[in-house]
Amino acid sequence: MKAKSILSRCRLLINILVLALALGALAASPSPTLAAGDPICEGGCVDWNAQQGCVRYQYCCVYDNGNFCCIYENQ
């Protein structure tokens, strides 16, 4: 009976270790690469009010050389 308990604990520790290694490998894996020169862009509402909702939208892009560009659009 004692051997079963020890074996069970050992399996639990091994499973936890394997899970930790898998999560670590997943976190360390490189993100998908973009073609050279493709910007990373994102946008969102930067000004709003209760009557009209979003009244100003901002859209920004960052390029692989560190330059960035933002465009503001009034709704």
Protein backbone atom coordinates (compact mmCIF):
# COMPACT_ATOMS: atom_id res chain seq x y z
CA MET A 1 0.00 0.00 0.00
CA LYS A 2 2.85 2.38 0.85
CA ALA A 3 4.50 1.72 -2.52
CA LYS A 4 1.29 2.75 -4.31
CA SER A 5 1.22 6.02 -2.41
CA ILE A 6 4.85 6.80 -3.25
CA LEU A 7 4.31 5.86 -6.91
CA SER A 8 1.20 8.05 -7.06
CA ARG A 9 3.08 11.04 -5.64
CA CYS A 10 5.92 10.46 -8.06
CA ARG A 11 3.51 10.44 -11.03
CA LEU A 12 1.90 13.64 -9.80
CA LEU A 13 5.27 15.39 -9.55
CA ILE A 14 6.30 14.14 -13.00
CA ASN A 15 3.00 15.33 -14.51
CA ILE A 16 3.39 18.75 -12.92
CA LEU A 17 6.97 18.97 -14.18
CA VAL A 18 5.96 17.98 -17.72
CA LEU A 19 3.14 20.55 -17.66
CA ALA A 20 5.54 23.26 -16.46
CA LEU A 21 8.04 22.40 -19.19
CA ALA A 22 5.33 22.44 -21.87
CA LEU A 23 4.02 25.81 -20.70
CA GLY A 24 7.56 27.19 -20.55
CA ALA A 25 8.28 26.02 -24.08
CA LEU A 26 5.03 27.53 -25.28
CA ALA A 27 5.80 30.87 -23.64
CA ALA A 28 9.35 30.93 -25.03
CA SER A 29 8.40 30.01 -28.58
CA PRO A 30 8.85 32.84 -31.06
CA SER A 31 5.82 34.64 -32.36
CA PRO A 32 4.96 34.27 -36.02
CA THR A 33 7.32 36.35 -38.09
CA LEU A 34 6.09 39.13 -40.30
CA ALA A 35 7.45 39.80 -43.73
CA ALA A 36 10.21 42.42 -43.66
CA GLY A 37 8.70 45.88 -43.50
CA ASP A 38 5.19 44.79 -42.45
CA PRO A 39 3.95 47.10 -39.69
CA ILE A 40 2.13 46.03 -36.56
CA CYS A 41 -1.02 48.16 -36.31
CA GLU A 42 -3.71 48.67 -33.72
CA GLY A 43 -6.48 51.16 -33.17
CA GLY A 44 -9.09 52.23 -30.69
CA CYS A 45 -11.34 54.98 -29.43
CA VAL A 46 -9.37 57.76 -27.69
CA ASP A 47 -12.17 60.26 -27.01
CA TRP A 48 -15.85 59.64 -26.34
CA ASN A 49 -18.87 61.15 -24.65
CA ALA A 50 -22.20 59.84 -23.39
CA GLN A 51 -24.24 61.55 -26.11
CA GLN A 52 -22.31 60.48 -29.24
CA GLY A 53 -20.16 57.56 -28.06
CA CYS A 54 -16.74 57.46 -29.76
CA VAL A 55 -15.95 60.87 -31.25
CA ARG A 56 -12.23 60.33 -32.03
CA TYR A 57 -10.52 57.14 -33.18
CA GLN A 58 -6.74 56.59 -33.19
CA TYR A 59 -4.97 54.06 -35.40
CA CYS A 60 -1.20 53.53 -34.94
CA CYS A 61 1.38 51.38 -36.73
CA VAL A 62 4.89 50.46 -35.57
CA TYR A 63 7.49 49.41 -38.13
CA ASP A 64 10.38 47.00 -37.64
CA ASN A 65 12.92 49.87 -37.68
CA GLY A 66 11.26 51.52 -34.65
CA ASN A 67 9.39 54.25 -36.54
CA PHE A 68 5.70 54.68 -35.93
CA CYS A 69 2.76 56.51 -37.44
CA CYS A 70 -0.60 57.43 -35.90
CA ILE A 71 -3.76 58.57 -37.69
CA TYR A 72 -6.64 60.24 -35.88
CA GLU A 73 -10.13 60.13 -37.29
CA ASN A 74 -13.08 62.15 -36.02
CA GLN A 75 -16.30 60.17 -36.09
